[in-house]
Amino acid sequence: MIKPEYEIQRDNINNLYINQGINLCYPHFHEHVELLCVIEGEKYVTINNKSFNLKSGMVAIADSFDIHSYPIHSEIKTCTVIIPYKYLVEYRLAKKGLYLSDYFVTNTTQGNEIIAGIENLAQNQFQNELILKGYINIVLGKILEAIPLTKRQAYQDTEFIRKLFIYIDNNLTEDLSLNTLSEHFGYSKYHFSRLFNSFFKLSLTDYINSRRIKMFIKLMMENTKMKLSDAIFSAGFSSIQTFYRVFKDSYGVTPKEYLKNF
């Protein structure tokens, strides 16, 4: 089973992203808001473990740090929009600390209004910043009209989780555990666990291991002559046995079998 991945590189991009065509994404999350619109055909989308088969005129919204994924479909027409965090100020203020009560706009009248707004946004994405923000806010405003707001069961500190993910990515070779991370961020282990679990239905250990697996793959692809054991330890694993277990659980094959495809 593929673990969700924090796309830190996505959050470092401050430009609006609009793409029409074939889309595929494995489970991932980022601070930016991502919209997926179905223009023609049907698209199966999963956000935070809730799945829906979107049809023409429907829209999926992955808000900040929502885990989302969708498989590839070659015979449909979709549009993906990723709105950088810097354009979300008015949107966040309008939400007043609340959250979208659903991830999908299934009413096609409302969905097509959002899609029309995105089409206008695409046509004006290279205008000056003030005009661009206006078109973005029209799209986000239509989303807030279509989906009621609600409270989440647990308090979520998005600034904490962003800093945590950056710290983990920058320190994969260090001793990363509940003890060391809670101490670094100045929280009790209980409070740290509560903050992390308010976002994700996977353990802290699973998340750290998934990032180390990604690092291992990156090292092996960049240096094909590197020994497996060297890459394993360079990625932060302290046990080869643990590495093989985590890799097989994540990809269903051995590292050598996986790397043959590249």
Protein backbone atom coordinates (compact mmCIF):
# COMPACT_ATOMS: atom_id res chain seq x y z
CA MET A 1 0.00 0.00 0.00
CA ILE A 2 1.44 3.36 -1.05
CA LYS A 3 1.66 5.79 1.86
CA PRO A 4 0.59 9.42 1.30
CA GLU A 5 3.43 11.76 0.52
CA TYR A 6 3.93 15.41 1.39
CA GLU A 7 4.74 17.26 -1.85
CA ILE A 8 7.12 19.79 -0.38
CA GLN A 9 8.23 20.79 -3.88
CA ARG A 10 4.64 21.73 -4.72
CA ASP A 11 4.38 24.03 -1.71
CA ASN A 12 7.59 25.76 -2.81
CA ILE A 13 5.94 26.78 -6.10
CA ASN A 14 4.04 30.06 -5.86
CA ASN A 15 2.58 30.14 -9.37
CA LEU A 16 -0.98 29.18 -10.24
CA TYR A 17 -1.13 25.79 -12.01
CA ILE A 18 -3.85 24.93 -14.54
CA ASN A 19 -3.69 21.78 -16.66
CA GLN A 20 -6.17 20.08 -18.98
CA GLY A 21 -5.46 16.52 -20.01
CA ILE A 22 -4.64 13.13 -18.53
CA ASN A 23 -4.12 13.24 -14.79
CA LEU A 24 -2.67 10.65 -12.42
CA CYS A 25 -1.63 11.18 -8.83
CA TYR A 26 -0.73 8.80 -6.05
CA PRO A 27 -1.85 9.65 -2.49
CA HIS A 28 -0.27 12.98 -1.60
CA PHE A 29 -0.99 16.27 0.13
CA HIS A 30 0.21 19.86 0.21
CA GLU A 31 -0.74 23.22 1.64
CA HIS A 32 -2.02 24.52 -1.70
CA VAL A 33 -5.66 23.91 -2.66
CA GLU A 34 -6.16 21.49 -5.57
CA LEU A 35 -9.30 21.32 -7.72
CA LEU A 36 -10.15 18.56 -10.19
CA CYS A 37 -12.97 19.24 -12.65
CA VAL A 38 -14.49 16.63 -14.95
CA ILE A 39 -15.36 18.12 -18.34
CA GLU A 40 -16.24 14.89 -20.17
CA GLY A 41 -16.46 11.28 -18.96
CA GLU A 42 -16.04 10.01 -15.40
CA LYS A 43 -13.16 10.18 -12.90
CA TYR A 44 -12.71 8.20 -9.67
CA VAL A 45 -11.28 10.45 -6.95
CA THR A 46 -10.32 9.76 -3.34
CA ILE A 47 -9.86 12.50 -0.73
CA ASN A 48 -9.16 11.66 2.93
CA ASN A 49 -10.37 8.06 2.42
CA LYS A 50 -13.67 9.22 0.90
CA SER A 51 -14.10 8.15 -2.73
CA PHE A 52 -16.49 9.30 -5.41
CA ASN A 53 -16.90 8.69 -9.13
CA LEU A 54 -17.09 12.20 -10.54
CA LYS A 55 -19.07 12.74 -13.72
CA SER A 56 -19.14 15.59 -16.21
CA GLY A 57 -19.86 18.91 -14.47
CA MET A 58 -18.66 17.76 -11.05
CA VAL A 59 -15.70 19.08 -9.07
CA ALA A 60 -13.40 17.66 -6.37
CA ILE A 61 -11.70 19.95 -3.85
CA ALA A 62 -8.61 18.90 -1.91
CA ASP A 63 -8.19 21.62 0.70
CA SER A 64 -4.90 22.33 2.47
CA PHE A 65 -3.28 19.06 3.63
CA ASP A 66 -6.17 16.86 2.44
CA ILE A 67 -4.78 13.52 1.23
CA HIS A 68 -5.94 12.98 -2.35
CA SER A 69 -5.35 10.62 -5.25
CA TYR A 70 -6.86 9.61 -8.57
CA PRO A 71 -5.97 6.92 -11.12
CA ILE A 72 -5.25 7.56 -14.76
CA HIS A 73 -8.09 7.55 -17.30
CA SER A 74 -7.12 8.12 -20.92
CA GLU A 75 -10.56 8.71 -22.42
CA ILE A 76 -11.85 11.53 -20.27
CA LYS A 77 -11.33 15.27 -20.20
CA THR A 78 -10.43 16.89 -16.89
CA CYS A 79 -8.93 20.11 -15.63
CA THR A 80 -6.64 20.34 -12.61
CA VAL A 81 -6.09 23.63 -10.81
CA ILE A 82 -3.60 24.13 -7.97
CA ILE A 83 -3.96 27.41 -6.11
CA PRO A 84 -0.86 28.47 -4.12
CA TYR A 85 -1.22 29.31 -0.46
CA LYS A 86 -0.45 32.99 -1.06
CA TYR A 87 -3.77 33.33 -2.94
CA LEU A 88 -5.83 31.77 -0.14
CA VAL A 89 -5.91 34.68 2.33
CA GLU A 90 -9.49 35.82 1.63
CA TYR A 91 -10.65 32.21 1.27
CA ARG A 92 -9.29 31.31 4.71
CA LEU A 93 -10.82 34.43 6.25
CA ALA A 94 -14.20 33.60 4.70
CA LYS A 95 -14.06 30.12 6.24
CA LYS A 96 -13.67 31.64 9.74
CA GLY A 97 -11.75 28.67 11.08
CA LEU A 98 -14.26 26.17 9.69
CA TYR A 99 -13.78 23.46 7.06
CA LEU A 100 -15.56 22.26 3.94
CA SER A 101 -18.17 19.67 4.92
CA ASP A 102 -17.61 17.69 1.71
CA TYR A 103 -14.88 17.23 -0.86
CA PHE A 104 -17.12 16.95 -3.91
CA VAL A 105 -19.51 19.28 -5.72
CA THR A 106 -21.94 16.79 -7.27
CA ASN A 107 -24.66 19.28 -8.20
CA THR A 108 -23.77 19.84 -11.85
CA THR A 109 -25.36 23.29 -11.98
CA GLN A 110 -23.03 24.46 -9.20
CA GLY A 111 -20.17 22.42 -10.63
CA ASN A 112 -20.49 23.99 -14.05
CA GLU A 113 -20.49 27.45 -12.47
CA ILE A 114 -17.16 26.59 -10.84
CA ILE A 115 -15.84 25.18 -14.13
CA ALA A 116 -16.91 28.37 -15.94
CA GLY A 117 -15.03 30.37 -13.32
CA ILE A 118 -11.95 28.21 -13.90
CA GLU A 119 -12.20 28.76 -17.66
CA ASN A 120 -12.23 32.51 -17.06
CA LEU A 121 -9.32 32.09 -14.66
CA ALA A 122 -7.34 30.15 -17.28
CA GLN A 123 -7.93 32.90 -19.85
CA ASN A 124 -6.72 35.58 -17.42
CA GLN A 125 -3.98 33.76 -15.48
CA PHE A 126 -1.24 35.98 -16.91
CA GLN A 127 -2.92 39.26 -15.92
CA ASN A 128 -1.56 41.38 -13.07
CA GLU A 129 -1.77 39.98 -9.54
CA LEU A 130 -4.86 41.98 -8.55
CA ILE A 131 -6.91 40.73 -11.50
CA LEU A 132 -5.62 37.18 -11.00
CA LYS A 133 -6.64 37.18 -7.33
CA GLY A 134 -10.08 38.39 -8.33
CA TYR A 135 -10.65 35.44 -10.68
CA ILE A 136 -9.26 33.01 -8.09
CA ASN A 137 -11.59 34.37 -5.43
CA ILE A 138 -14.58 33.98 -7.76
CA VAL A 139 -13.78 30.26 -8.09
CA LEU A 140 -13.21 29.83 -4.35
CA GLY A 141 -16.35 31.83 -3.58
CA LYS A 142 -18.41 29.52 -5.82
CA ILE A 143 -17.00 26.55 -3.91
CA LEU A 144 -18.06 28.07 -0.59
CA GLU A 145 -21.55 28.63 -2.04
CA ALA A 146 -21.74 24.98 -3.11
CA ILE A 147 -20.35 23.29 0.02
CA PRO A 148 -21.46 24.24 3.57
CA LEU A 149 -18.80 24.78 6.22
CA THR A 150 -18.49 22.69 9.37
CA LYS A 151 -16.27 22.13 12.38
CA ARG A 152 -13.70 19.35 12.37
CA GLN A 153 -13.67 16.84 15.19
CA ALA A 154 -10.12 17.75 16.12
CA TYR A 155 -8.22 21.02 16.15
CA GLN A 156 -5.74 21.25 13.27
CA ASP A 157 -2.61 23.39 13.37
CA THR A 158 -1.58 23.64 9.71
CA GLU A 159 1.50 25.77 10.46
CA PHE A 160 2.79 23.09 12.85
CA ILE A 161 2.26 20.28 10.35
CA ARG A 162 4.00 22.25 7.58
CA LYS A 163 7.05 22.89 9.77
CA LEU A 164 7.06 19.24 10.87
CA PHE A 165 7.11 17.90 7.31
CA ILE A 166 9.89 20.26 6.28
CA TYR A 167 11.92 19.26 9.35
CA ILE A 168 11.44 15.55 8.66
CA ASP A 169 12.50 15.91 5.01
CA ASN A 170 15.62 17.85 6.04
CA ASN A 171 16.61 15.35 8.75
CA LEU A 172 15.79 11.90 7.37
CA THR A 173 19.20 10.54 8.36
CA GLU A 174 18.79 11.64 11.97
CA ASP A 175 17.02 9.86 14.84
CA LEU A 176 13.38 10.71 14.13
CA SER A 177 10.86 9.42 16.63
CA LEU A 178 7.96 10.60 18.73
CA ASN A 179 10.40 11.36 21.55
CA THR A 180 12.91 13.36 19.50
CA LEU A 181 10.34 15.23 17.42
CA SER A 182 8.09 16.19 20.33
CA GLU A 183 11.15 17.45 22.20
CA HIS A 184 12.37 19.44 19.18
CA PHE A 185 9.00 21.16 18.72
CA GLY A 186 8.50 21.73 22.44
CA TYR A 187 5.37 19.59 22.90
CA SER A 188 4.53 16.73 25.18
CA LYS A 189 4.41 13.36 23.41
CA TYR A 190 0.65 13.23 23.97
CA HIS A 191 0.01 16.68 22.47
CA PHE A 192 2.37 16.01 19.56
CA SER A 193 0.59 12.75 18.73
CA ARG A 194 -2.80 14.47 18.95
CA LEU A 195 -1.72 17.18 16.50
CA PHE A 196 -0.31 14.67 14.02
CA ASN A 197 -3.28 12.32 14.26
CA SER A 198 -5.70 15.20 13.69
CA PHE A 199 -4.43 15.25 10.10
CA PHE A 200 -3.69 11.69 9.14
CA LYS A 201 -4.86 8.14 9.65
CA LEU A 202 -1.34 6.76 9.59
CA SER A 203 1.28 6.59 12.28
CA LEU A 204 4.21 8.97 12.57
CA THR A 205 6.58 6.01 12.06
CA ASP A 206 4.80 5.00 8.85
CA TYR A 207 5.09 8.54 7.51
CA ILE A 208 8.81 8.81 8.31
CA ASN A 209 9.49 5.41 6.73
CA SER A 210 7.58 6.41 3.59
CA ARG A 211 9.78 9.49 3.19
CA ARG A 212 12.92 7.39 3.71
CA ILE A 213 11.73 4.95 1.04
CA LYS A 214 11.35 7.87 -1.38
CA MET A 215 14.87 8.99 -0.50
CA PHE A 216 16.21 5.47 -1.13
CA ILE A 217 14.58 5.36 -4.58
CA LYS A 218 15.95 8.81 -5.42
CA LEU A 219 19.48 7.77 -4.41
CA MET A 220 19.36 4.56 -6.45
CA MET A 221 18.00 6.31 -9.55
CA GLU A 222 20.63 9.05 -9.36
CA ASN A 223 23.50 6.59 -8.85
CA THR A 224 22.85 3.20 -10.46
CA LYS A 225 26.19 1.85 -9.20
CA MET A 226 25.36 2.54 -5.56
CA LYS A 227 25.08 -0.52 -3.34
CA LEU A 228 21.61 -1.25 -1.95
CA SER A 229 22.93 -1.32 1.61
CA ASP A 230 24.65 2.06 1.20
CA ALA A 231 21.46 3.62 -0.15
CA ILE A 232 19.39 2.07 2.65
CA PHE A 233 21.54 3.59 5.39
CA SER A 234 21.98 6.88 3.51
CA ALA A 235 18.19 7.20 3.39
CA GLY A 236 18.01 7.04 7.18
CA PHE A 237 17.14 3.40 7.86
CA SER A 238 19.07 1.83 10.73
CA SER A 239 17.97 -1.72 9.93
CA ILE A 240 18.07 -3.50 6.56
CA GLN A 241 15.37 -5.88 7.76
CA THR A 242 13.05 -2.97 8.58
CA PHE A 243 13.75 -1.41 5.19
CA TYR A 244 12.80 -4.56 3.26
CA ARG A 245 9.62 -5.00 5.28
CA VAL A 246 8.55 -1.37 4.77
CA PHE A 247 9.40 -1.45 1.05
CA LYS A 248 7.43 -4.66 0.44
CA ASP A 249 4.45 -3.28 2.40
CA SER A 250 4.55 -0.08 0.34
CA TYR A 251 5.10 -1.41 -3.18
CA GLY A 252 4.34 -5.13 -3.02
CA VAL A 253 7.68 -6.05 -4.61
CA THR A 254 11.34 -6.14 -3.62
CA PRO A 255 13.55 -3.08 -4.23
CA LYS A 256 15.39 -4.85 -7.07
CA GLU A 257 12.12 -5.75 -8.78
CA TYR A 258 10.88 -2.18 -8.43
CA LEU A 259 14.09 -0.61 -9.76
CA LYS A 260 14.07 -2.84 -12.86
CA ASN A 261 11.29 -0.64 -14.21
CA PHE A 262 13.58 2.40 -14.33
